[in-house]
N, C-alpha and C. Protein backbone atom coordinates (compact mmCIF):
# COMPACT_ATOMS: atom_id res chain seq x y z
N UNK A 1 89.95 89.18 50.54
CA UNK A 1 88.98 88.60 51.02
C UNK A 1 88.67 87.49 50.55
N UNK A 2 88.35 86.32 50.95
CA UNK A 2 88.18 85.03 50.40
C UNK A 2 86.32 84.89 49.72
N UNK A 3 86.47 84.54 48.33
CA UNK A 3 85.08 84.43 47.71
C UNK A 3 85.04 83.03 47.22
N UNK A 4 83.84 82.62 47.78
CA UNK A 4 83.64 81.25 47.16
C UNK A 4 83.49 81.54 45.69
N UNK A 5 83.62 79.96 45.16
CA UNK A 5 83.23 80.04 43.69
C UNK A 5 82.30 79.28 42.80
N UNK A 6 82.11 78.27 44.03
CA UNK A 6 80.92 77.43 43.54
C UNK A 6 80.03 77.29 44.42
N UNK A 7 78.97 76.36 44.83
CA UNK A 7 78.08 76.03 45.67
C UNK A 7 78.64 75.04 46.83
N UNK A 8 79.44 74.41 46.54
CA UNK A 8 80.38 73.66 47.70
C UNK A 8 81.06 74.37 48.78
N UNK A 9 81.49 75.56 48.09
CA UNK A 9 82.52 76.10 48.85
C UNK A 9 81.57 77.16 49.76
N UNK A 10 80.35 77.40 49.15
CA UNK A 10 79.27 78.22 49.69
C UNK A 10 78.82 77.47 50.82
N UNK A 11 78.43 76.13 50.90
CA UNK A 11 78.06 75.39 51.90
C UNK A 11 79.24 75.19 53.26
N UNK A 12 80.37 75.39 52.77
CA UNK A 12 81.16 75.21 54.03
C UNK A 12 81.25 76.35 54.56
N UNK A 13 81.21 77.85 53.99
CA UNK A 13 81.13 79.18 54.43
C UNK A 13 79.85 78.95 55.52
N UNK A 14 78.87 78.89 54.72
CA UNK A 14 77.40 78.72 55.54
C UNK A 14 77.65 78.07 56.87
N UNK A 15 78.15 76.84 56.74
CA UNK A 15 77.97 75.90 58.12
C UNK A 15 79.12 76.33 59.03
N UNK A 16 80.39 76.98 58.50
CA UNK A 16 81.32 77.51 59.38
C UNK A 16 80.33 78.80 60.45
N UNK A 17 79.81 79.52 59.67
CA UNK A 17 78.77 80.59 60.18
C UNK A 17 78.01 80.23 61.33
N UNK A 18 77.50 79.12 60.86
CA UNK A 18 76.19 78.22 61.82
C UNK A 18 76.87 77.97 63.02
N UNK A 19 78.09 77.37 62.74
CA UNK A 19 78.47 76.66 63.95
C UNK A 19 79.28 78.10 64.88
N UNK A 20 79.61 79.01 64.34
CA UNK A 20 80.18 80.03 64.97
C UNK A 20 79.30 80.89 65.92
N UNK A 21 78.10 81.25 65.23
CA UNK A 21 76.81 81.38 65.81
C UNK A 21 76.23 80.78 67.07
N UNK A 22 76.15 79.44 66.52
CA UNK A 22 75.84 78.58 67.67
C UNK A 22 76.77 78.31 68.78
N UNK A 23 78.08 78.46 68.65
CA UNK A 23 78.96 78.48 69.87
C UNK A 23 78.73 80.00 70.72
N UNK A 24 78.43 81.05 69.94
CA UNK A 24 78.50 82.36 70.66
C UNK A 24 77.31 82.27 71.24
N UNK A 25 76.31 81.80 70.70
CA UNK A 25 74.99 81.84 71.34
C UNK A 25 74.84 80.97 72.93
N UNK A 26 75.98 79.76 72.35
CA UNK A 26 75.97 78.78 73.82
C UNK A 26 76.66 79.54 74.96
N UNK A 27 77.70 80.61 74.51
CA UNK A 27 78.58 81.20 75.59
C UNK A 27 77.71 82.20 75.88
N UNK A 28 76.99 83.06 75.11
CA UNK A 28 76.20 84.03 75.86
C UNK A 28 75.07 83.40 76.71
N UNK A 29 74.48 82.15 76.16
CA UNK A 29 73.42 81.57 77.49
C UNK A 29 73.88 81.39 78.56
N UNK A 30 75.26 80.61 78.73
CA UNK A 30 75.72 80.31 79.72
C UNK A 30 76.19 81.45 80.96
N UNK A 31 76.50 82.27 80.21
CA UNK A 31 77.11 83.89 81.03
C UNK A 31 75.60 84.47 81.19
N UNK A 32 74.97 84.00 80.72
CA UNK A 32 73.12 84.59 81.13
C UNK A 32 72.68 84.12 82.43
N UNK A 33 72.90 82.39 82.40
CA UNK A 33 72.21 81.54 83.17
C UNK A 33 73.30 81.46 84.54
N UNK A 34 74.46 82.20 84.41
CA UNK A 34 75.17 82.07 85.52
C UNK A 34 74.87 83.32 86.55
N UNK A 35 75.38 83.54 87.64
CA UNK A 35 74.87 84.44 88.38
C UNK A 35 74.97 86.11 87.98
N UNK A 36 75.13 86.38 86.66
CA UNK A 36 75.11 87.50 86.30
C UNK A 36 73.91 88.28 86.14
N UNK A 37 72.94 87.04 85.78
CA UNK A 37 71.48 87.72 85.60
C UNK A 37 70.83 87.71 87.09
N UNK A 38 71.42 87.88 87.85
CA UNK A 38 70.98 87.70 89.37
C UNK A 38 70.71 89.45 90.09
N UNK A 39 69.85 89.80 90.46
CA UNK A 39 69.39 90.97 90.97
C UNK A 39 69.77 91.21 92.39
N UNK A 40 70.14 90.09 93.37
CA UNK A 40 70.60 90.71 94.53
C UNK A 40 71.71 89.20 94.96
N UNK A 41 72.36 89.13 95.88
CA UNK A 41 72.91 87.95 96.74
C UNK A 41 72.13 86.54 96.85
N UNK A 42 71.02 87.03 97.26
CA UNK A 42 70.12 85.53 97.31
C UNK A 42 69.73 85.11 96.17
N UNK A 43 69.28 85.90 94.88
CA UNK A 43 69.41 85.33 93.55
C UNK A 43 70.79 84.43 92.86
N UNK A 44 71.65 85.42 93.23
CA UNK A 44 72.99 84.94 92.81
C UNK A 44 73.32 83.50 93.49
N UNK A 45 72.91 83.66 94.61
CA UNK A 45 73.55 82.48 95.41
C UNK A 45 72.66 81.10 94.87
N UNK A 46 71.11 81.53 94.72
CA UNK A 46 70.62 80.42 94.20
C UNK A 46 70.78 79.92 92.84
N UNK A 47 71.16 80.52 92.16
CA UNK A 47 71.77 80.50 90.53
C UNK A 47 73.05 79.77 90.79
N UNK A 48 73.98 80.01 91.75
CA UNK A 48 75.27 79.27 91.86
C UNK A 48 74.98 78.05 92.40
N UNK A 49 74.04 77.78 93.26
CA UNK A 49 73.56 76.42 93.52
C UNK A 49 73.07 75.49 92.67
N UNK A 50 72.45 76.23 91.63
CA UNK A 50 71.92 75.42 90.34
C UNK A 50 73.11 75.13 89.42
N UNK A 51 74.07 76.08 88.95
CA UNK A 51 75.03 75.92 88.38
C UNK A 51 76.14 75.18 88.44
N UNK A 52 76.25 74.96 90.10
CA UNK A 52 77.65 74.18 90.46
C UNK A 52 77.43 72.83 90.18
N UNK A 53 78.67 72.33 90.09
CA UNK A 53 79.05 70.78 89.74
C UNK A 53 79.60 70.33 90.64
N UNK A 54 80.35 70.77 91.66
CA UNK A 54 80.84 70.25 92.92
C UNK A 54 80.93 71.43 93.87
N UNK A 55 81.15 70.74 95.15
CA UNK A 55 81.33 71.90 96.42
C UNK A 55 82.31 72.96 95.95
N UNK A 56 83.27 72.51 95.27
CA UNK A 56 84.41 73.92 95.14
C UNK A 56 83.91 74.76 94.09
N UNK A 57 83.29 74.23 93.16
CA UNK A 57 82.66 75.27 92.11
C UNK A 57 81.76 76.14 92.93
N UNK A 58 80.85 75.22 93.76
CA UNK A 58 79.79 76.13 94.65
C UNK A 58 80.54 77.25 95.32
N UNK A 59 81.56 77.08 95.95
CA UNK A 59 82.15 78.01 96.98
C UNK A 59 82.76 79.07 95.95
N UNK A 60 83.19 78.76 94.90
CA UNK A 60 83.76 79.76 94.16
C UNK A 60 82.72 80.84 93.54
N UNK A 61 81.55 80.33 93.13
CA UNK A 61 80.21 80.93 92.46
C UNK A 61 79.76 82.02 93.65
N UNK A 62 79.72 81.37 94.91
CA UNK A 62 79.24 81.84 96.12
C UNK A 62 80.13 83.27 96.50
N UNK A 63 81.34 83.12 96.00
CA UNK A 63 82.46 83.99 96.58
C UNK A 63 82.28 84.91 95.67
N UNK A 64 81.85 84.90 94.18
CA UNK A 64 81.77 85.97 93.29
C UNK A 64 80.50 86.45 93.66
N UNK A 65 79.39 85.82 94.06
CA UNK A 65 78.14 86.61 94.54
C UNK A 65 78.36 87.59 95.61
N UNK A 66 79.30 86.97 96.56
CA UNK A 66 79.56 88.00 97.63
C UNK A 66 80.19 89.27 97.35
N UNK A 67 81.26 89.14 96.06
CA UNK A 67 81.98 90.39 95.67
C UNK A 67 81.12 91.23 95.14
N UNK A 68 80.06 90.80 94.53
CA UNK A 68 79.12 91.54 93.50
C UNK A 68 78.03 92.40 94.41
N UNK A 69 77.75 91.38 95.38
CA UNK A 69 76.53 92.25 96.35
C UNK A 69 76.90 91.99 97.54
N UNK A 70 77.03 93.76 98.28
CA UNK A 70 77.56 93.77 99.87
C UNK A 70 76.48 93.42 100.65
N UNK A 71 74.83 93.55 100.29
CA UNK A 71 73.86 93.81 101.12
C UNK A 71 73.10 92.50 101.21
N UNK A 72 72.36 92.12 101.77
CA UNK A 72 71.69 90.85 102.05
C UNK A 72 70.15 91.39 102.22
N UNK A 73 69.32 90.46 101.53
CA UNK A 73 67.87 91.03 101.43
C UNK A 73 67.16 90.41 102.77
N UNK A 74 66.16 91.51 103.44
CA UNK A 74 65.67 91.12 104.70
C UNK A 74 64.63 90.76 104.29
N UNK A 75 63.96 90.14 105.57
CA UNK A 75 62.79 89.17 105.58
C UNK A 75 61.63 90.01 105.32
N UNK A 76 61.65 91.50 105.79
CA UNK A 76 60.46 92.28 105.98
C UNK A 76 60.54 92.99 104.48
N UNK A 77 61.68 92.91 103.77
CA UNK A 77 61.75 93.75 102.45
C UNK A 77 62.87 94.84 102.95
N UNK A 78 63.53 95.04 101.88
CA UNK A 78 64.86 96.09 101.91
C UNK A 78 65.94 95.25 102.06
N UNK A 79 67.05 95.92 102.29
CA UNK A 79 68.65 95.37 102.08
C UNK A 79 69.25 95.78 103.46
N UNK A 80 69.94 95.06 104.06
CA UNK A 80 70.93 95.17 105.26
C UNK A 80 72.55 94.90 104.88
N UNK A 81 73.49 95.65 105.65
CA UNK A 81 74.79 95.56 105.10
C UNK A 81 75.32 95.75 106.46
N UNK A 82 76.14 94.45 106.76
CA UNK A 82 76.67 93.97 107.84
C UNK A 82 78.12 94.47 107.74
N UNK A 83 78.54 95.69 108.51
CA UNK A 83 80.04 96.14 108.73
C UNK A 83 80.89 95.50 109.96
N UNK A 84 81.54 94.23 109.51
CA UNK A 84 82.30 93.35 110.48
C UNK A 84 83.19 94.10 111.37
N UNK A 85 83.87 95.27 110.72
CA UNK A 85 84.67 96.13 111.48
C UNK A 85 83.81 96.74 112.86
N UNK A 86 82.42 97.11 112.74
CA UNK A 86 81.79 97.81 114.11
C UNK A 86 81.10 96.52 114.59
N UNK A 87 80.75 95.52 113.82
CA UNK A 87 79.88 94.04 114.37
C UNK A 87 78.34 95.21 114.25
N UNK A 88 78.08 95.70 113.29
CA UNK A 88 76.74 96.33 113.32
C UNK A 88 76.46 96.26 111.89
N UNK A 89 74.84 96.23 111.92
CA UNK A 89 74.26 96.06 110.43
C UNK A 89 73.28 97.44 110.21
N UNK A 90 73.39 97.68 108.63
CA UNK A 90 72.99 99.22 108.70
C UNK A 90 72.24 98.86 107.19
N UNK A 91 70.82 99.68 107.65
CA UNK A 91 69.90 99.44 106.34
C UNK A 91 70.03 100.22 105.42
N UNK A 92 70.13 99.49 104.05
CA UNK A 92 70.18 100.28 102.97
C UNK A 92 69.26 100.00 101.75
N UNK A 93 69.31 100.81 100.55
CA UNK A 93 68.31 100.66 99.72
C UNK A 93 68.21 99.65 98.88
N UNK A 94 69.37 99.34 98.31
CA UNK A 94 69.27 98.14 97.27
C UNK A 94 70.08 97.17 97.70
N UNK A 95 70.71 96.28 96.97
CA UNK A 95 71.76 95.26 97.00
C UNK A 95 73.28 95.86 97.30
N UNK A 96 73.63 96.98 96.95
CA UNK A 96 74.66 97.50 97.36
C UNK A 96 74.42 99.01 97.91
N UNK A 97 75.40 99.37 99.03
CA UNK A 97 75.15 100.55 99.26
C UNK A 97 75.32 101.96 98.50
N UNK A 98 74.49 102.89 98.36
CA UNK A 98 74.92 103.88 97.71
C UNK A 98 75.92 104.77 97.99
N UNK A 99 76.50 106.07 97.38
CA UNK A 99 77.72 106.77 97.79
C UNK A 99 77.19 107.14 99.53
N UNK A 100 75.95 107.72 99.31
CA UNK A 100 75.58 108.56 100.46
C UNK A 100 75.46 107.22 101.97
N UNK A 101 74.95 106.41 101.56
CA UNK A 101 75.19 105.34 102.57
C UNK A 101 76.60 104.74 102.71
N UNK A 102 77.50 104.81 101.83
CA UNK A 102 78.85 104.22 102.34
C UNK A 102 79.50 105.54 103.01
N UNK A 103 79.02 106.86 102.74
CA UNK A 103 79.39 107.91 103.63
C UNK A 103 78.94 107.72 105.11
N UNK A 104 77.71 107.12 105.39
CA UNK A 104 76.90 107.08 106.55
C UNK A 104 77.84 106.30 107.39
N UNK A 105 77.70 104.99 106.65
CA UNK A 105 78.74 103.77 107.50
C UNK A 105 80.15 104.38 107.85
N UNK A 106 80.76 105.09 106.76
CA UNK A 106 82.26 105.46 107.49
C UNK A 106 82.13 106.65 108.48
N UNK A 107 81.29 107.43 108.80
CA UNK A 107 81.00 107.91 110.03
C UNK A 107 80.71 107.37 110.91
N UNK A 108 79.95 106.74 110.86
CA UNK A 108 79.62 105.68 112.22
C UNK A 108 80.68 104.96 112.24
N UNK A 109 81.41 104.65 111.59
CA UNK A 109 82.84 103.81 111.85
C UNK A 109 83.54 104.72 112.48
N UNK A 110 83.85 105.96 112.14
CA UNK A 110 84.89 107.06 112.82
C UNK A 110 84.46 107.46 114.11
N UNK A 111 83.17 107.39 114.28
CA UNK A 111 82.61 107.38 115.88
C UNK A 111 82.97 106.51 116.90
N UNK A 112 82.81 105.13 115.85
CA UNK A 112 82.97 103.86 116.79
C UNK A 112 84.47 103.68 117.12
N UNK A 113 85.48 104.23 116.31
CA UNK A 113 86.82 104.13 116.73
C UNK A 113 87.10 105.03 117.98
N UNK A 114 86.20 106.11 118.15
CA UNK A 114 86.50 107.40 119.06
C UNK A 114 85.78 106.62 120.35
N UNK A 115 84.82 106.15 120.18
CA UNK A 115 84.04 105.50 121.67
C UNK A 115 84.34 104.30 122.30
N UNK A 116 84.16 103.26 121.36
CA UNK A 116 84.21 101.88 121.37
C UNK A 116 85.79 101.57 121.57
N UNK A 117 86.59 102.50 120.95
CA UNK A 117 87.90 102.06 120.79
C UNK A 117 88.46 102.37 122.47
N UNK A 118 88.14 103.41 122.47
CA UNK A 118 88.41 103.50 124.09
C UNK A 118 88.11 102.57 125.01
N UNK A 119 86.60 102.51 125.06
CA UNK A 119 86.35 101.50 125.94
C UNK A 119 86.90 99.91 125.94
N UNK A 120 87.13 99.42 124.62
CA UNK A 120 87.71 98.55 124.43
C UNK A 120 89.16 98.29 125.00
N UNK A 121 89.87 99.63 124.72
CA UNK A 121 91.24 99.67 125.39
C UNK A 121 91.28 99.64 126.90
N UNK A 122 89.99 100.34 127.59
CA UNK A 122 90.04 99.94 128.91
C UNK A 122 89.55 98.81 129.26
N UNK A 123 88.78 97.87 128.72
CA UNK A 123 88.40 96.43 128.80
C UNK A 123 89.46 95.72 129.01
N UNK A 124 90.47 95.88 128.02
CA UNK A 124 91.54 95.08 127.64
C UNK A 124 92.69 95.07 128.91
N UNK A 125 92.68 96.74 129.26
CA UNK A 125 93.47 96.76 130.42
C UNK A 125 93.09 96.54 131.86
N UNK A 126 91.74 96.19 131.97
CA UNK A 126 91.02 95.63 133.12
C UNK A 126 91.41 94.25 133.18
N UNK A 127 91.20 93.65 131.90
CA UNK A 127 91.42 91.94 131.98
C UNK A 127 92.76 91.96 132.34
N UNK A 128 93.96 92.72 131.66
CA UNK A 128 95.19 92.42 131.92
C UNK A 128 95.67 92.85 133.42
N UNK A 129 94.71 93.48 134.09
CA UNK A 129 95.07 93.36 135.39
C UNK A 129 94.75 92.51 136.13
N UNK A 130 93.41 91.92 135.87
CA UNK A 130 93.04 90.71 136.25
C UNK A 130 93.90 89.50 135.89
N UNK A 131 94.46 89.27 134.97
CA UNK A 131 95.20 88.31 134.67
C UNK A 131 96.36 88.38 135.58
N UNK A 132 97.01 89.62 135.83
CA UNK A 132 98.14 89.62 136.64
C UNK A 132 97.83 89.24 137.96
N UNK A 133 96.63 89.93 138.63
CA UNK A 133 96.40 89.45 139.84
C UNK A 133 96.29 87.90 140.22
N UNK A 134 95.84 87.41 139.29
CA UNK A 134 95.46 85.72 139.20
C UNK A 134 96.96 85.06 139.15
N UNK A 135 98.03 85.83 138.38
CA UNK A 135 99.61 85.08 138.38
C UNK A 135 100.24 85.49 140.00
N UNK A 136 100.01 86.44 140.19
CA UNK A 136 100.60 86.95 141.35
C UNK A 136 99.87 86.06 142.80
N UNK A 137 98.39 85.70 142.59
CA UNK A 137 98.05 84.67 143.59
C UNK A 137 98.62 83.33 143.29
N UNK A 138 98.84 82.83 142.38
CA UNK A 138 99.43 81.87 142.10
C UNK A 138 100.61 81.77 142.75
N UNK A 139 101.55 82.85 142.51
CA UNK A 139 102.65 82.96 143.00
C UNK A 139 102.97 83.00 144.31
N UNK A 140 101.70 83.44 144.99
CA UNK A 140 101.88 83.49 146.71
C UNK A 140 102.08 85.12 146.96
N UNK A 141 101.97 85.78 145.91
CA UNK A 141 102.18 87.31 146.21
C UNK A 141 100.83 88.01 146.07
N UNK A 142 100.29 87.83 147.29
CA UNK A 142 98.72 88.43 147.77
C UNK A 142 99.00 89.94 148.08
N UNK A 143 98.13 90.72 147.79
CA UNK A 143 98.33 92.12 148.06
C UNK A 143 99.29 92.69 147.07
N UNK A 144 99.36 92.35 145.95
CA UNK A 144 100.38 92.99 145.09
C UNK A 144 99.83 94.44 144.48
N UNK A 145 98.50 94.90 144.34
CA UNK A 145 98.09 96.08 144.42
C UNK A 145 97.69 95.88 142.56
N UNK A 146 97.39 97.16 142.16
CA UNK A 146 96.83 97.41 140.88
C UNK A 146 98.05 97.20 140.09
N UNK A 147 97.65 96.99 138.49
CA UNK A 147 98.83 96.91 137.64
C UNK A 147 99.20 98.40 137.42
N UNK A 148 100.48 98.43 137.52
CA UNK A 148 101.29 99.94 137.47
C UNK A 148 101.91 99.69 136.08
N UNK A 149 101.60 100.71 135.60
CA UNK A 149 102.21 101.07 134.09
C UNK A 149 103.42 102.06 133.94
N UNK A 150 104.87 101.38 133.77
CA UNK A 150 105.70 102.18 133.60
C UNK A 150 105.74 103.38 132.42
N UNK A 151 106.14 104.58 132.82
CA UNK A 151 106.52 105.57 131.21
C UNK A 151 107.36 104.79 130.60
N UNK A 152 107.24 105.33 129.22
CA UNK A 152 107.91 104.94 128.17
C UNK A 152 109.22 105.81 128.36
N UNK A 153 109.12 107.23 128.69
CA UNK A 153 109.98 108.20 128.76
C UNK A 153 110.49 107.92 129.86
N UNK A 154 111.90 108.16 130.33
CA UNK A 154 112.49 108.06 131.81
C UNK A 154 111.98 109.47 132.52
N UNK A 155 111.83 109.73 133.30
CA UNK A 155 111.60 110.91 134.25
C UNK A 155 113.11 111.32 134.49
N UNK A 156 113.63 112.80 134.34
CA UNK A 156 114.75 113.25 134.71
C UNK A 156 114.95 113.35 135.99
N UNK A 157 116.55 113.15 136.29
CA UNK A 157 116.75 112.99 137.83
C UNK A 157 116.88 114.23 138.43
N UNK A 158 116.40 113.96 139.79
CA UNK A 158 116.17 115.39 140.54
C UNK A 158 117.99 116.16 140.82
N UNK A 159 117.27 117.21 140.70
CA UNK A 159 118.69 117.96 140.61
C UNK A 159 119.28 118.24 142.16
N UNK A 160 120.56 118.45 142.34
CA UNK A 160 121.13 118.53 143.83
C UNK A 160 120.69 119.45 144.25
N UNK A 161 120.64 119.52 145.74
CA UNK A 161 120.17 120.62 146.09
C UNK A 161 121.60 121.48 146.13
N UNK A 162 120.89 123.08 146.38
CA UNK A 162 121.60 123.96 145.95
C UNK A 162 122.43 124.16 147.77
N UNK A 163 123.45 124.39 147.54
CA UNK A 163 124.20 124.95 148.99
C UNK A 163 124.38 126.37 149.48
N UNK A 164 123.72 126.83 150.48
CA UNK A 164 123.45 128.25 150.55
C UNK A 164 124.98 128.66 151.17
N UNK A 165 124.98 129.74 150.84
CA UNK A 165 126.52 130.13 151.23
C UNK A 165 126.58 130.42 152.85
N UNK A 166 127.76 130.25 153.20
CA UNK A 166 127.88 130.11 154.41
C UNK A 166 128.57 131.64 155.17
N UNK A 167 128.22 132.14 156.39
CA UNK A 167 128.73 133.51 156.54
C UNK A 167 130.42 133.39 156.46
N UNK A 168 130.78 134.38 155.96
CA UNK A 168 132.32 134.52 155.65
C UNK A 168 132.78 135.06 156.82
N UNK A 169 134.17 134.32 157.10
CA UNK A 169 134.85 134.74 158.33
C UNK A 169 136.44 135.05 158.06
N UNK A 170 136.60 134.09 156.78
CA UNK A 170 137.98 134.30 156.49
C UNK A 170 137.95 135.54 155.42
N UNK A 171 139.47 135.94 154.92
CA UNK A 171 139.52 137.06 154.25
C UNK A 171 139.60 136.65 152.93
N UNK A 172 138.93 135.42 152.21
CA UNK A 172 139.23 134.93 150.97
C UNK A 172 138.38 136.10 150.18
N UNK A 173 138.72 135.74 148.49
CA UNK A 173 138.50 136.71 147.49
C UNK A 173 136.65 136.62 147.22
N UNK A 174 136.11 135.56 147.55
CA UNK A 174 134.92 135.29 147.28
C UNK A 174 134.11 135.95 148.56
N UNK A 175 134.81 135.92 149.76
CA UNK A 175 133.98 136.61 150.85
C UNK A 175 133.93 137.94 151.12
N UNK A 176 135.03 138.38 150.29
CA UNK A 176 135.25 139.75 150.02
C UNK A 176 134.29 140.30 149.04
N UNK A 177 134.05 139.77 148.12
CA UNK A 177 132.99 140.39 146.92
C UNK A 177 131.71 139.92 147.38
N UNK A 178 131.09 138.76 147.96
CA UNK A 178 129.94 138.83 148.72
C UNK A 178 129.69 139.80 149.71
N UNK A 179 130.55 140.65 150.35
CA UNK A 179 130.53 141.66 151.45
C UNK A 179 130.33 142.77 150.97
N UNK A 180 131.05 143.05 149.69
CA UNK A 180 131.21 144.48 148.99
C UNK A 180 129.99 144.52 148.33
N UNK A 181 129.21 143.36 147.71
CA UNK A 181 127.82 143.55 146.90
C UNK A 181 126.83 143.86 147.79
N UNK A 182 127.05 143.21 148.97
CA UNK A 182 125.93 143.53 149.97
C UNK A 182 125.94 145.05 150.79
N UNK A 183 127.10 145.37 150.84
CA UNK A 183 127.23 146.93 151.33
C UNK A 183 126.80 148.10 149.88
N UNK A 184 126.83 147.88 149.08
CA UNK A 184 126.38 148.53 147.62
C UNK A 184 125.01 148.28 147.57
N UNK A 185 124.59 147.45 147.96
CA UNK A 185 122.86 147.06 147.77
C UNK A 185 122.35 147.79 148.83
N UNK A 186 122.98 147.58 150.15
CA UNK A 186 122.33 148.26 151.35
C UNK A 186 122.38 150.03 151.02
N UNK A 187 123.61 150.37 150.30
CA UNK A 187 123.73 151.67 150.08
C UNK A 187 122.60 152.48 149.09
N UNK A 188 122.30 151.90 148.23
CA UNK A 188 121.40 152.10 147.18
C UNK A 188 119.92 151.96 148.03
N UNK A 189 119.88 150.70 148.43
CA UNK A 189 118.52 150.86 149.55
C UNK A 189 118.21 151.81 150.18
N UNK A 190 118.96 152.21 150.86
CA UNK A 190 119.07 153.36 152.07
C UNK A 190 118.63 154.97 151.48
N UNK A 191 119.49 154.94 150.23
CA UNK A 191 119.26 156.24 149.44
C UNK A 191 118.22 156.55 148.82
N UNK A 192 117.17 155.83 148.72
CA UNK A 192 115.82 156.09 148.11
C UNK A 192 114.85 156.53 149.00
């Protein structure tokens, strides 16, 4: 460790400490002035507007505000969170949703996927059918009917019809066997 020996050396050490303390205080003061002291998005954006030196700098600071605060202040008090996936706004207690509020938003999203997803699919199908009808009208094929969706898995081919046996008149082995089995069946049926 360095120990100054005379008064001039003590002056240099003291000046160095003062300069370092000044730099530290200025750095801490700048950090506190930046949007870190904000309590919500609106305060953060106001600080960003005051701190920004250019439009690019302002947009960067505003992006930081959006990252820190999910909710927006409502005019009557409280906060609102907008979920762009559902196109829906939720009331929340503070500038960021709590764990319970996140769970409520997630449950709502799962319900949205179930009901709204089906409705959106059906609306898309109706739109596709209308577009197909317009294309058919332009091509001159009126009365083409509704849009038919072909199955992705091909249907199995129909089985060929089974030929019924014809009465045997010749003395072939197959005819003889059929006559024998019929005779045996009739014999057992009559003995019962």
